[in-house]
């Protein structure tokens, strides 16, 4: 079993996440999608995702198929209130 690789900016990223009110953080194989409390469920992210990764559930963006994320950032670029971030 190999050890985990840590990013040098891990502490900074943790602080950024702690300062962000998140509705959800979705993680898979080095991909991360962060949805903040600002999400209004408008579906702009979902409508622009070419891989069909995102869904709106109870008025909030979720990423049930994050493993298929292309990391193209189209969801992030099309969110009218910047409530989603792809890392």
PDB file of N, CA and C in Angstrom:
ATOM      1  N   UNK A   1       0.847  -1.183   0.000  1.00  0.00           N
ATOM      2  CA  UNK A   1       0.000   0.000   0.000  1.00  0.00           C
ATOM      3  C   UNK A   1       0.885   1.236   0.000  1.00  0.00           C
ATOM      4  N   UNK A   2       0.613   2.165  -0.890  1.00  0.00           N
ATOM      5  CA  UNK A   2       1.401   3.383  -0.990  1.00  0.00           C
ATOM      6  C   UNK A   2       0.863   4.428  -0.031  1.00  0.00           C
ATOM      7  N   UNK A   3       1.757   5.304   0.424  1.00  0.00           N
ATOM      8  CA  UNK A   3       1.348   6.402   1.294  1.00  0.00           C
ATOM      9  C   UNK A   3       0.636   7.482   0.505  1.00  0.00           C
ATOM     10  N   UNK A   4      -0.109   8.311   1.210  1.00  0.00           N
ATOM     11  CA  UNK A   4      -0.819   9.408   0.566  1.00  0.00           C
ATOM     12  C   UNK A   4       0.143  10.526   0.218  1.00  0.00           C
ATOM     13  N   UNK A   5      -0.083  11.158  -0.926  1.00  0.00           N
ATOM     14  CA  UNK A   5       0.705  12.319  -1.307  1.00  0.00           C
ATOM     15  C   UNK A   5      -0.030  13.555  -0.802  1.00  0.00           C
ATOM     16  N   UNK A   6       0.697  14.453  -0.190  1.00  0.00           N
ATOM     17  CA  UNK A   6       0.079  15.662   0.335  1.00  0.00           C
ATOM     18  C   UNK A   6       0.500  16.863  -0.485  1.00  0.00           C
ATOM     19  N   UNK A   7      -0.435  17.701  -0.765  1.00  0.00           N
ATOM     20  CA  UNK A   7      -0.185  18.945  -1.470  1.00  0.00           C
ATOM     21  C   UNK A   7       0.438  19.933  -0.500  1.00  0.00           C
ATOM     22  N   UNK A   8       1.426  20.685  -0.957  1.00  0.00           N
ATOM     23  CA  UNK A   8       2.087  21.669  -0.099  1.00  0.00           C
ATOM     24  C   UNK A   8       1.106  22.724   0.406  1.00  0.00           C
ATOM     25  N   UNK A   9       0.060  22.973  -0.355  1.00  0.00           N
ATOM     26  CA  UNK A   9      -0.914  24.006   0.001  1.00  0.00           C
ATOM     27  C   UNK A   9      -2.088  23.453   0.796  1.00  0.00           C
ATOM     28  N   UNK A  10      -1.939  22.279   1.373  1.00  0.00           N
ATOM     29  CA  UNK A  10      -3.038  21.632   2.091  1.00  0.00           C
ATOM     30  C   UNK A  10      -3.585  22.500   3.210  1.00  0.00           C
ATOM     31  N   UNK A  11      -2.709  23.115   4.003  1.00  0.00           N
ATOM     32  CA  UNK A  11      -3.177  23.959   5.105  1.00  0.00           C
ATOM     33  C   UNK A  11      -3.982  25.135   4.580  1.00  0.00           C
ATOM     34  N   UNK A  12      -3.506  25.764   3.517  1.00  0.00           N
ATOM     35  CA  UNK A  12      -4.222  26.897   2.936  1.00  0.00           C
ATOM     36  C   UNK A  12      -5.592  26.462   2.440  1.00  0.00           C
ATOM     37  N   UNK A  13      -5.652  25.340   1.749  1.00  0.00           N
ATOM     38  CA  UNK A  13      -6.931  24.873   1.220  1.00  0.00           C
ATOM     39  C   UNK A  13      -7.899  24.540   2.344  1.00  0.00           C
ATOM     40  N   UNK A  14      -7.410  23.950   3.435  1.00  0.00           N
ATOM     41  CA  UNK A  14      -8.286  23.653   4.572  1.00  0.00           C
ATOM     42  C   UNK A  14      -8.870  24.939   5.132  1.00  0.00           C
ATOM     43  N   UNK A  15      -8.039  25.972   5.274  1.00  0.00           N
ATOM     44  CA  UNK A  15      -8.531  27.247   5.803  1.00  0.00           C
ATOM     45  C   UNK A  15      -9.574  27.842   4.877  1.00  0.00           C
ATOM     46  N   UNK A  16      -9.325  27.775   3.555  1.00  0.00           N
ATOM     47  CA  UNK A  16     -10.292  28.302   2.601  1.00  0.00           C
ATOM     48  C   UNK A  16     -11.625  27.580   2.737  1.00  0.00           C
ATOM     49  N   UNK A  17     -11.585  26.257   2.882  1.00  0.00           N
ATOM     50  CA  UNK A  17     -12.816  25.485   3.008  1.00  0.00           C
ATOM     51  C   UNK A  17     -13.536  25.788   4.306  1.00  0.00           C
ATOM     52  N   UNK A  18     -12.783  25.992   5.374  1.00  0.00           N
ATOM     53  CA  UNK A  18     -13.408  26.307   6.653  1.00  0.00           C
ATOM     54  C   UNK A  18     -14.098  27.661   6.617  1.00  0.00           C
ATOM     55  N   UNK A  19     -13.590  28.579   5.799  1.00  0.00           N
ATOM     56  CA  UNK A  19     -14.179  29.906   5.696  1.00  0.00           C
ATOM     57  C   UNK A  19     -15.340  29.948   4.706  1.00  0.00           C
ATOM     58  N   UNK A  20     -15.555  28.862   3.981  1.00  0.00           N
ATOM     59  CA  UNK A  20     -16.628  28.785   3.000  1.00  0.00           C
ATOM     60  C   UNK A  20     -17.771  27.967   3.586  1.00  0.00           C
ATOM     61  N   UNK A  21     -18.970  28.490   3.499  1.00  0.00           N
ATOM     62  CA  UNK A  21     -20.129  27.739   3.963  1.00  0.00           C
ATOM     63  C   UNK A  21     -20.521  26.781   2.848  1.00  0.00           C
ATOM     64  N   UNK A  22     -20.217  25.502   3.032  1.00  0.00           N
ATOM     65  CA  UNK A  22     -20.419  24.505   1.988  1.00  0.00           C
ATOM     66  C   UNK A  22     -21.708  23.724   2.174  1.00  0.00           C
ATOM     67  N   UNK A  23     -22.382  23.501   1.059  1.00  0.00           N
ATOM     68  CA  UNK A  23     -23.517  22.587   1.041  1.00  0.00           C
ATOM     69  C   UNK A  23     -22.989  21.175   0.851  1.00  0.00           C
ATOM     70  N   UNK A  24     -21.896  21.065   0.096  1.00  0.00           N
ATOM     71  CA  UNK A  24     -21.327  19.747  -0.136  1.00  0.00           C
ATOM     72  C   UNK A  24     -19.957  19.816  -0.764  1.00  0.00           C
ATOM     73  N   UNK A  25     -19.123  18.857  -0.416  1.00  0.00           N
ATOM     74  CA  UNK A  25     -17.823  18.680  -1.042  1.00  0.00           C
ATOM     75  C   UNK A  25     -17.820  17.260  -1.583  1.00  0.00           C
ATOM     76  N   UNK A  26     -17.663  17.132  -2.878  1.00  0.00           N
ATOM     77  CA  UNK A  26     -17.709  15.837  -3.539  1.00  0.00           C
ATOM     78  C   UNK A  26     -16.304  15.516  -4.029  1.00  0.00           C
ATOM     79  N   UNK A  27     -15.769  14.346  -3.646  1.00  0.00           N
ATOM     80  CA  UNK A  27     -14.379  13.994  -3.936  1.00  0.00           C
ATOM     81  C   UNK A  27     -14.294  12.604  -4.552  1.00  0.00           C
ATOM     82  N   UNK A  28     -13.435  12.476  -5.574  1.00  0.00           N
ATOM     83  CA  UNK A  28     -13.164  11.169  -6.176  1.00  0.00           C
ATOM     84  C   UNK A  28     -11.868  11.239  -6.964  1.00  0.00           C
ATOM     85  N   UNK A  29     -10.938  10.364  -6.652  1.00  0.00           N
ATOM     86  CA  UNK A  29      -9.689  10.212  -7.395  1.00  0.00           C
ATOM     87  C   UNK A  29      -9.032  11.548  -7.751  1.00  0.00           C
ATOM     88  N   UNK A  30      -8.809  12.388  -6.790  1.00  0.00           N
ATOM     89  CA  UNK A  30      -8.132  13.655  -7.020  1.00  0.00           C
ATOM     90  C   UNK A  30      -9.008  14.754  -7.584  1.00  0.00           C
ATOM     91  N   UNK A  31     -10.269  14.480  -7.803  1.00  0.00           N
ATOM     92  CA  UNK A  31     -11.207  15.487  -8.300  1.00  0.00           C
ATOM     93  C   UNK A  31     -12.032  15.968  -7.121  1.00  0.00           C
ATOM     94  N   UNK A  32     -12.294  17.262  -7.087  1.00  0.00           N
ATOM     95  CA  UNK A  32     -13.100  17.792  -5.991  1.00  0.00           C
ATOM     96  C   UNK A  32     -14.030  18.873  -6.535  1.00  0.00           C
ATOM     97  N   UNK A  33     -15.303  18.774  -6.179  1.00  0.00           N
ATOM     98  CA  UNK A  33     -16.299  19.789  -6.522  1.00  0.00           C
ATOM     99  C   UNK A  33     -16.872  20.304  -5.214  1.00  0.00           C
ATOM    100  N   UNK A  34     -16.802  21.611  -5.042  1.00  0.00           N
ATOM    101  CA  UNK A  34     -17.303  22.248  -3.825  1.00  0.00           C
ATOM    102  C   UNK A  34     -18.523  23.086  -4.194  1.00  0.00           C
ATOM    103  N   UNK A  35     -19.623  22.863  -3.489  1.00  0.00           N
ATOM    104  CA  UNK A  35     -20.850  23.637  -3.690  1.00  0.00           C
ATOM    105  C   UNK A  35     -21.121  24.398  -2.401  1.00  0.00           C
ATOM    106  N   UNK A  36     -21.228  25.721  -2.498  1.00  0.00           N
ATOM    107  CA  UNK A  36     -21.440  26.547  -1.303  1.00  0.00           C
ATOM    108  C   UNK A  36     -22.925  26.724  -0.997  1.00  0.00           C
ATOM    109  N   UNK A  37     -23.194  27.280   0.163  1.00  0.00           N
ATOM    110  CA  UNK A  37     -24.570  27.588   0.585  1.00  0.00           C
ATOM    111  C   UNK A  37     -25.252  28.578  -0.347  1.00  0.00           C
ATOM    112  N   UNK A  38     -24.476  29.262  -1.170  1.00  0.00           N
ATOM    113  CA  UNK A  38     -25.049  30.250  -2.079  1.00  0.00           C
ATOM    114  C   UNK A  38     -25.827  29.613  -3.232  1.00  0.00           C
ATOM    115  N   UNK A  39     -25.663  28.309  -3.434  1.00  0.00           N
ATOM    116  CA  UNK A  39     -26.330  27.613  -4.540  1.00  0.00           C
ATOM    117  C   UNK A  39     -27.843  27.840  -4.470  1.00  0.00           C
ATOM    118  N   UNK A  40     -28.405  28.258  -5.614  1.00  0.00           N
ATOM    119  CA  UNK A  40     -29.845  28.522  -5.678  1.00  0.00           C
ATOM    120  C   UNK A  40     -30.590  27.456  -6.491  1.00  0.00           C
ATOM    121  N   UNK A  41     -29.856  26.433  -6.940  1.00  0.00           N
ATOM    122  CA  UNK A  41     -30.493  25.341  -7.672  1.00  0.00           C
ATOM    123  C   UNK A  41     -31.016  25.731  -9.036  1.00  0.00           C
ATOM    124  N   UNK A  42     -30.364  26.681  -9.690  1.00  0.00           N
ATOM    125  CA  UNK A  42     -30.843  27.183 -10.983  1.00  0.00           C
ATOM    126  C   UNK A  42     -30.589  26.214 -12.133  1.00  0.00           C
ATOM    127  N   UNK A  43     -29.736  25.244 -11.950  1.00  0.00           N
ATOM    128  CA  UNK A  43     -29.355  24.192 -12.899  1.00  0.00           C
ATOM    129  C   UNK A  43     -28.429  24.653 -14.024  1.00  0.00           C
ATOM    130  N   UNK A  44     -27.879  25.859 -13.947  1.00  0.00           N
ATOM    131  CA  UNK A  44     -26.928  26.317 -14.971  1.00  0.00           C
ATOM    132  C   UNK A  44     -25.709  25.399 -15.015  1.00  0.00           C
ATOM    133  N   UNK A  45     -25.251  24.962 -13.856  1.00  0.00           N
ATOM    134  CA  UNK A  45     -24.098  24.054 -13.785  1.00  0.00           C
ATOM    135  C   UNK A  45     -24.428  22.726 -14.457  1.00  0.00           C
ATOM    136  N   UNK A  46     -25.550  22.165 -14.105  1.00  0.00           N
ATOM    137  CA  UNK A  46     -25.987  20.878 -14.638  1.00  0.00           C
ATOM    138  C   UNK A  46     -26.199  20.961 -16.148  1.00  0.00           C
ATOM    139  N   UNK A  47     -26.828  22.024 -16.608  1.00  0.00           N
ATOM    140  CA  UNK A  47     -27.122  22.188 -18.030  1.00  0.00           C
ATOM    141  C   UNK A  47     -25.859  22.327 -18.875  1.00  0.00           C
ATOM    142  N   UNK A  48     -24.771  22.799 -18.288  1.00  0.00           N
ATOM    143  CA  UNK A  48     -23.534  23.022 -19.031  1.00  0.00           C
ATOM    144  C   UNK A  48     -22.485  21.942 -18.827  1.00  0.00           C
ATOM    145  N   UNK A  49     -22.782  20.932 -18.031  1.00  0.00           N
ATOM    146  CA  UNK A  49     -21.826  19.851 -17.766  1.00  0.00           C
ATOM    147  C   UNK A  49     -21.878  18.827 -18.904  1.00  0.00           C
ATOM    148  N   UNK A  50     -20.817  18.728 -19.724  1.00  0.00           N
ATOM    149  CA  UNK A  50     -20.850  17.795 -20.852  1.00  0.00           C
ATOM    150  C   UNK A  50     -20.826  16.320 -20.436  1.00  0.00           C
ATOM    151  N   UNK A  51     -20.375  16.038 -19.225  1.00  0.00           N
ATOM    152  CA  UNK A  51     -20.284  14.651 -18.755  1.00  0.00           C
ATOM    153  C   UNK A  51     -21.508  14.206 -17.960  1.00  0.00           C
ATOM    154  N   UNK A  52     -22.435  15.110 -17.682  1.00  0.00           N
ATOM    155  CA  UNK A  52     -23.630  14.752 -16.922  1.00  0.00           C
ATOM    156  C   UNK A  52     -23.345  14.370 -15.484  1.00  0.00           C
ATOM    157  N   UNK A  53     -22.354  15.013 -14.897  1.00  0.00           N
ATOM    158  CA  UNK A  53     -21.910  14.698 -13.534  1.00  0.00           C
ATOM    159  C   UNK A  53     -22.867  15.236 -12.475  1.00  0.00           C
ATOM    160  N   UNK A  54     -23.483  16.370 -12.754  1.00  0.00           N
ATOM    161  CA  UNK A  54     -24.247  17.098 -11.737  1.00  0.00           C
ATOM    162  C   UNK A  54     -25.747  16.838 -11.809  1.00  0.00           C
ATOM    163  N   UNK A  55     -26.391  16.953 -10.657  1.00  0.00           N
ATOM    164  CA  UNK A  55     -27.855  16.877 -10.540  1.00  0.00           C
ATOM    165  C   UNK A  55     -28.305  17.913  -9.527  1.00  0.00           C
ATOM    166  N   UNK A  56     -29.511  18.392  -9.690  1.00  0.00           N
ATOM    167  CA  UNK A  56     -30.114  19.274  -8.695  1.00  0.00           C
ATOM    168  C   UNK A  56     -31.051  18.409  -7.857  1.00  0.00           C
ATOM    169  N   UNK A  57     -30.776  18.332  -6.560  1.00  0.00           N
ATOM    170  CA  UNK A  57     -31.580  17.533  -5.634  1.00  0.00           C
ATOM    171  C   UNK A  57     -32.067  18.447  -4.519  1.00  0.00           C
ATOM    172  N   UNK A  58     -33.376  18.512  -4.347  1.00  0.00           N
ATOM    173  CA  UNK A  58     -33.972  19.394  -3.331  1.00  0.00           C
ATOM    174  C   UNK A  58     -33.467  20.825  -3.462  1.00  0.00           C
ATOM    175  N   UNK A  59     -33.312  21.280  -4.705  1.00  0.00           N
ATOM    176  CA  UNK A  59     -32.918  22.663  -4.958  1.00  0.00           C
ATOM    177  C   UNK A  59     -31.442  22.958  -4.776  1.00  0.00           C
ATOM    178  N   UNK A  60     -30.608  21.932  -4.671  1.00  0.00           N
ATOM    179  CA  UNK A  60     -29.172  22.122  -4.452  1.00  0.00           C
ATOM    180  C   UNK A  60     -28.388  21.247  -5.430  1.00  0.00           C
ATOM    181  N   UNK A  61     -27.286  21.784  -5.939  1.00  0.00           N
ATOM    182  CA  UNK A  61     -26.414  21.036  -6.841  1.00  0.00           C
ATOM    183  C   UNK A  61     -25.707  19.907  -6.090  1.00  0.00           C
ATOM    184  N   UNK A  62     -25.711  18.717  -6.684  1.00  0.00           N
ATOM    185  CA  UNK A  62     -24.971  17.571  -6.144  1.00  0.00           C
ATOM    186  C   UNK A  62     -24.146  16.967  -7.285  1.00  0.00           C
ATOM    187  N   UNK A  63     -23.170  16.148  -6.938  1.00  0.00           N
ATOM    188  CA  UNK A  63     -22.297  15.542  -7.952  1.00  0.00           C
ATOM    189  C   UNK A  63     -22.234  14.025  -7.765  1.00  0.00           C
ATOM    190  N   UNK A  64     -23.331  13.323  -8.055  1.00  0.00           N
ATOM    191  CA  UNK A  64     -23.352  11.880  -7.824  1.00  0.00           C
ATOM    192  C   UNK A  64     -22.420  11.083  -8.737  1.00  0.00           C
ATOM    193  N   UNK A  65     -22.022  11.673  -9.855  1.00  0.00           N
ATOM    194  CA  UNK A  65     -21.127  10.973 -10.787  1.00  0.00           C
ATOM    195  C   UNK A  65     -19.799  11.714 -10.926  1.00  0.00           C
ATOM    196  N   UNK A  66     -19.248  12.178  -9.803  1.00  0.00           N
ATOM    197  CA  UNK A  66     -18.012  12.963  -9.832  1.00  0.00           C
ATOM    198  C   UNK A  66     -16.859  12.209 -10.485  1.00  0.00           C
ATOM    199  N   UNK A  67     -16.864  10.884 -10.399  1.00  0.00           N
ATOM    200  CA  UNK A  67     -15.785  10.105 -11.008  1.00  0.00           C
ATOM    201  C   UNK A  67     -15.731  10.293 -12.524  1.00  0.00           C
ATOM    202  N   UNK A  68     -16.812  10.781 -13.135  1.00  0.00           N
ATOM    203  CA  UNK A  68     -16.858  11.033 -14.578  1.00  0.00           C
ATOM    204  C   UNK A  68     -16.536  12.486 -14.926  1.00  0.00           C
ATOM    205  N   UNK A  69     -16.216  13.300 -13.930  1.00  0.00           N
ATOM    206  CA  UNK A  69     -15.930  14.722 -14.143  1.00  0.00           C
ATOM    207  C   UNK A  69     -14.721  14.899 -15.060  1.00  0.00           C
ATOM    208  N   UNK A  70     -14.853  15.763 -16.060  1.00  0.00           N
ATOM    209  CA  UNK A  70     -13.775  16.061 -17.002  1.00  0.00           C
ATOM    210  C   UNK A  70     -12.900  17.214 -16.511  1.00  0.00           C
ATOM    211  N   UNK A  71     -13.297  17.838 -15.435  1.00  0.00           N
ATOM    212  CA  UNK A  71     -12.626  19.016 -14.874  1.00  0.00           C
ATOM    213  C   UNK A  71     -12.490  20.125 -15.919  1.00  0.00           C
ATOM    214  N   UNK A  72     -13.538  20.320 -16.692  1.00  0.00           N
ATOM    215  CA  UNK A  72     -13.551  21.347 -17.740  1.00  0.00           C
ATOM    216  C   UNK A  72     -13.927  22.720 -17.189  1.00  0.00           C
ATOM    217  N   UNK A  73     -14.480  22.765 -15.989  1.00  0.00           N
ATOM    218  CA  UNK A  73     -14.862  23.993 -15.288  1.00  0.00           C
ATOM    219  C   UNK A  73     -16.064  24.716 -15.912  1.00  0.00           C
ATOM    220  N   UNK A  74     -16.781  24.068 -16.826  1.00  0.00           N
ATOM    221  CA  UNK A  74     -17.945  24.725 -17.419  1.00  0.00           C
ATOM    222  C   UNK A  74     -19.038  24.975 -16.388  1.00  0.00           C
ATOM    223  N   UNK A  75     -19.170  24.084 -15.420  1.00  0.00           N
ATOM    224  CA  UNK A  75     -20.165  24.302 -14.360  1.00  0.00           C
ATOM    225  C   UNK A  75     -19.802  25.556 -13.570  1.00  0.00           C
ATOM    226  N   UNK A  76     -18.539  25.660 -13.235  1.00  0.00           N
ATOM    227  CA  UNK A  76     -18.035  26.804 -12.469  1.00  0.00           C
ATOM    228  C   UNK A  76     -18.182  28.102 -13.273  1.00  0.00           C
ATOM    229  N   UNK A  77     -17.807  28.047 -14.554  1.00  0.00           N
ATOM    230  CA  UNK A  77     -17.857  29.234 -15.412  1.00  0.00           C
ATOM    231  C   UNK A  77     -19.276  29.732 -15.651  1.00  0.00           C
ATOM    232  N   UNK A  78     -20.257  28.829 -15.618  1.00  0.00           N
ATOM    233  CA  UNK A  78     -21.641  29.207 -15.925  1.00  0.00           C
ATOM    234  C   UNK A  78     -22.520  29.450 -14.709  1.00  0.00           C
ATOM    235  N   UNK A  79     -21.994  29.249 -13.514  1.00  0.00           N
ATOM    236  CA  UNK A  79     -22.778  29.514 -12.305  1.00  0.00           C
ATOM    237  C   UNK A  79     -22.939  31.026 -12.143  1.00  0.00           C
ATOM    238  N   UNK A  80     -24.174  31.523 -12.124  1.00  0.00           N
ATOM    239  CA  UNK A  80     -24.385  32.972 -12.056  1.00  0.00           C
ATOM    240  C   UNK A  80     -23.973  33.603 -10.724  1.00  0.00           C
ATOM    241  N   UNK A  81     -23.809  32.784  -9.681  1.00  0.00           N
ATOM    242  CA  UNK A  81     -23.441  33.355  -8.378  1.00  0.00           C
ATOM    243  C   UNK A  81     -22.155  32.754  -7.806  1.00  0.00           C
ATOM    244  N   UNK A  82     -21.399  32.047  -8.660  1.00  0.00           N
ATOM    245  CA  UNK A  82     -20.110  31.465  -8.244  1.00  0.00           C
ATOM    246  C   UNK A  82     -20.234  30.555  -7.023  1.00  0.00           C
ATOM    247  N   UNK A  83     -21.237  29.702  -7.035  1.00  0.00           N
ATOM    248  CA  UNK A  83     -21.473  28.809  -5.896  1.00  0.00           C
ATOM    249  C   UNK A  83     -20.813  27.445  -6.058  1.00  0.00           C
ATOM    250  N   UNK A  84     -20.133  27.214  -7.178  1.00  0.00           N
ATOM    251  CA  UNK A  84     -19.504  25.913  -7.412  1.00  0.00           C
ATOM    252  C   UNK A  84     -18.051  26.115  -7.822  1.00  0.00           C
ATOM    253  N   UNK A  85     -17.191  25.240  -7.306  1.00  0.00           N
ATOM    254  CA  UNK A  85     -15.760  25.320  -7.622  1.00  0.00           C
ATOM    255  C   UNK A  85     -15.251  23.918  -7.912  1.00  0.00           C
ATOM    256  N   UNK A  86     -14.473  23.798  -8.982  1.00  0.00           N
ATOM    257  CA  UNK A  86     -13.874  22.517  -9.370  1.00  0.00           C
ATOM    258  C   UNK A  86     -12.381  22.594  -9.109  1.00  0.00           C
ATOM    259  N   UNK A  87     -11.861  21.590  -8.422  1.00  0.00           N
ATOM    260  CA  UNK A  87     -10.412  21.554  -8.146  1.00  0.00           C
ATOM    261  C   UNK A  87      -9.836  20.240  -8.612  1.00  0.00           C
TER     262      UNK A  87
END
